[in-house]
Amino acid sequence: MNLISDITAIRFPLPTPGSVTPPDLYFDACEQTERLRTEEAENLEAASDGLDTDPLLLALEDARARKAAADAEIRLLLAYGREFHGTRPYRLESLAQASGLTISGIRTAYGTSEIEQVEHAVHRHPNRPTKEAHGQ
């Protein structure tokens, strides 16, 4: 058992036969996965040695950070879809289905901070004034 090899195999699973399109790129996809595993194993080993920390705990912390970043990105995309998308914002039902949230969850998923971040990113104001748009 090699802890770091096991962790990288979990993080970067090999593609299953038939899952790669076009099929003649299957072996290239496997080689790319093996390169990612090797690179991640080197990084994880260096980090765990340098910090004198268990590699599994580092991998979990990294996964948690990626999850938090994905959640933040979802909030920004929801703010964009509701507050910056022309005169007709995306429908709550569509956003709920795509994001995995409920309709009421969409309404509370983002606030003034996210609206301001989107405003800065897209260089334009929301369709409605922020206070009216979200009541926060």
Protein backbone atom coordinates (compact mmCIF):
# COMPACT_ATOMS: atom_id res chain seq x y z
CA MET A 1 0.00 0.00 0.00
CA ASN A 2 1.30 3.43 -1.00
CA LEU A 3 -0.81 6.18 0.52
CA ILE A 4 0.17 8.86 -1.99
CA SER A 5 -0.39 6.56 -4.99
CA ASP A 6 -3.79 5.59 -3.62
CA ILE A 7 -4.76 9.24 -3.11
CA THR A 8 -3.73 10.20 -6.63
CA ALA A 9 -5.62 7.21 -8.06
CA ILE A 10 -8.76 8.43 -6.26
CA ARG A 11 -8.25 12.04 -7.38
CA PHE A 12 -7.45 11.13 -10.98
CA PRO A 13 -9.24 7.92 -11.96
CA LEU A 14 -8.31 6.29 -15.26
CA PRO A 15 -11.01 6.63 -17.91
CA THR A 16 -13.07 3.52 -18.50
CA PRO A 17 -13.00 1.94 -21.96
CA GLY A 18 -15.71 3.51 -24.10
CA SER A 19 -15.82 6.73 -22.08
CA VAL A 20 -13.46 8.70 -24.32
CA THR A 21 -14.66 10.34 -27.53
CA PRO A 22 -13.31 9.71 -30.09
CA PRO A 23 -12.38 6.19 -28.98
CA ASP A 24 -8.92 6.30 -30.58
CA LEU A 25 -7.91 8.90 -27.96
CA TYR A 26 -8.49 6.49 -25.07
CA PHE A 27 -4.81 5.64 -24.63
CA ASP A 28 -3.85 9.34 -24.82
CA ALA A 29 -6.39 10.05 -22.07
CA CYS A 30 -4.89 7.27 -19.94
CA GLU A 31 -1.38 8.68 -20.46
CA GLN A 32 -2.58 12.16 -19.52
CA THR A 33 -4.18 10.77 -16.35
CA GLU A 34 -0.94 8.99 -15.45
CA ARG A 35 0.99 12.27 -15.95
CA LEU A 36 -1.47 14.07 -13.67
CA ARG A 37 -1.09 11.34 -11.06
CA THR A 38 2.70 11.54 -11.20
CA GLU A 39 2.69 15.33 -10.92
CA GLU A 40 0.18 15.28 -8.06
CA ALA A 41 2.13 12.55 -6.24
CA GLU A 42 5.32 14.62 -6.45
CA ASN A 43 3.52 17.74 -5.20
CA LEU A 44 1.75 15.89 -2.41
CA GLU A 45 4.93 14.17 -1.26
CA ALA A 46 6.87 17.46 -1.26
CA ALA A 47 4.09 19.26 0.61
CA SER A 48 3.65 16.53 3.20
CA ASP A 49 7.41 16.28 3.78
CA GLY A 50 7.83 20.05 3.91
CA LEU A 51 4.94 20.55 6.31
CA ASP A 52 5.45 17.29 8.17
CA THR A 53 1.75 16.55 7.62
CA ASP A 54 -0.16 13.44 6.63
CA PRO A 55 -0.75 13.38 2.84
CA LEU A 56 -4.37 12.27 3.26
CA LEU A 57 -5.11 15.26 5.48
CA LEU A 58 -3.47 17.56 2.93
CA ALA A 59 -5.54 16.01 0.13
CA LEU A 60 -8.72 16.48 2.16
CA GLU A 61 -7.86 20.12 2.89
CA ASP A 62 -7.18 20.67 -0.82
CA ALA A 63 -10.51 19.06 -1.78
CA ARG A 64 -12.30 21.25 0.75
CA ALA A 65 -10.65 24.37 -0.71
CA ARG A 66 -11.65 23.34 -4.26
CA LYS A 67 -15.21 22.79 -3.05
CA ALA A 68 -15.33 26.22 -1.41
CA ALA A 69 -14.00 27.80 -4.62
CA ALA A 70 -16.64 25.97 -6.69
CA ASP A 71 -19.40 27.11 -4.30
CA ALA A 72 -18.17 30.70 -4.58
CA GLU A 73 -18.14 30.45 -8.37
CA ILE A 74 -21.70 29.10 -8.35
CA ARG A 75 -22.84 32.08 -6.24
CA LEU A 76 -21.21 34.50 -8.69
CA LEU A 77 -22.76 32.78 -11.70
CA LEU A 78 -26.17 32.88 -10.03
CA ALA A 79 -25.76 36.59 -9.31
CA TYR A 80 -24.84 37.13 -12.94
CA GLY A 81 -27.79 35.14 -14.23
CA ARG A 82 -30.29 36.96 -12.04
CA GLU A 83 -28.86 40.47 -11.87
CA PHE A 84 -26.81 41.10 -15.04
CA HIS A 85 -28.50 39.16 -17.82
CA GLY A 86 -30.39 41.80 -19.74
CA THR A 87 -33.99 42.76 -19.11
CA ARG A 88 -35.06 39.17 -18.50
CA PRO A 89 -33.05 37.38 -15.81
CA TYR A 90 -32.67 33.64 -15.98
CA ARG A 91 -35.66 31.83 -14.54
CA LEU A 92 -35.27 30.57 -11.00
CA GLU A 93 -36.34 27.07 -12.06
CA SER A 94 -33.60 26.85 -14.70
CA LEU A 95 -30.92 28.10 -12.33
CA ALA A 96 -32.10 25.78 -9.56
CA GLN A 97 -31.92 22.75 -11.82
CA ALA A 98 -28.50 23.64 -13.21
CA SER A 99 -26.97 24.50 -9.83
CA GLY A 100 -28.53 21.74 -7.75
CA LEU A 101 -30.17 24.26 -5.45
CA THR A 102 -33.82 24.86 -4.70
CA ILE A 103 -35.64 27.92 -5.98
CA SER A 104 -35.60 29.42 -2.51
CA GLY A 105 -31.92 28.51 -2.29
CA ILE A 106 -31.24 30.54 -5.44
CA ARG A 107 -32.85 33.59 -3.86
CA THR A 108 -30.53 33.42 -0.85
CA ALA A 109 -27.39 31.98 -2.49
CA TYR A 110 -25.82 35.33 -3.28
CA GLY A 111 -25.88 38.81 -1.90
CA THR A 112 -24.51 42.29 -2.36
CA SER A 113 -20.90 41.12 -2.15
CA GLU A 114 -21.33 38.67 -5.03
CA ILE A 115 -23.21 41.27 -7.08
CA GLU A 116 -20.34 43.71 -6.56
CA GLN A 117 -17.78 41.06 -7.55
CA VAL A 118 -19.68 40.31 -10.76
CA GLU A 119 -20.01 44.04 -11.46
CA HIS A 120 -16.24 44.37 -11.16
CA ALA A 121 -15.62 41.29 -13.34
CA VAL A 122 -17.96 42.21 -16.20
CA HIS A 123 -17.42 45.99 -15.99
CA ARG A 124 -21.07 46.96 -15.90
CA HIS A 125 -23.78 47.65 -13.39
CA PRO A 126 -26.53 45.18 -12.51
CA ASN A 127 -29.83 45.57 -14.32
CA ARG A 128 -31.47 46.78 -11.11
CA PRO A 129 -29.97 48.81 -8.28
CA THR A 130 -28.30 46.47 -5.78
CA LYS A 131 -30.52 47.36 -2.81
CA GLU A 132 -33.67 46.67 -4.79
CA ALA A 133 -32.18 43.67 -6.55
CA HIS A 134 -31.45 41.68 -3.46
CA GLY A 135 -32.64 43.56 -0.43
CA GLN A 136 -29.29 43.28 1.35
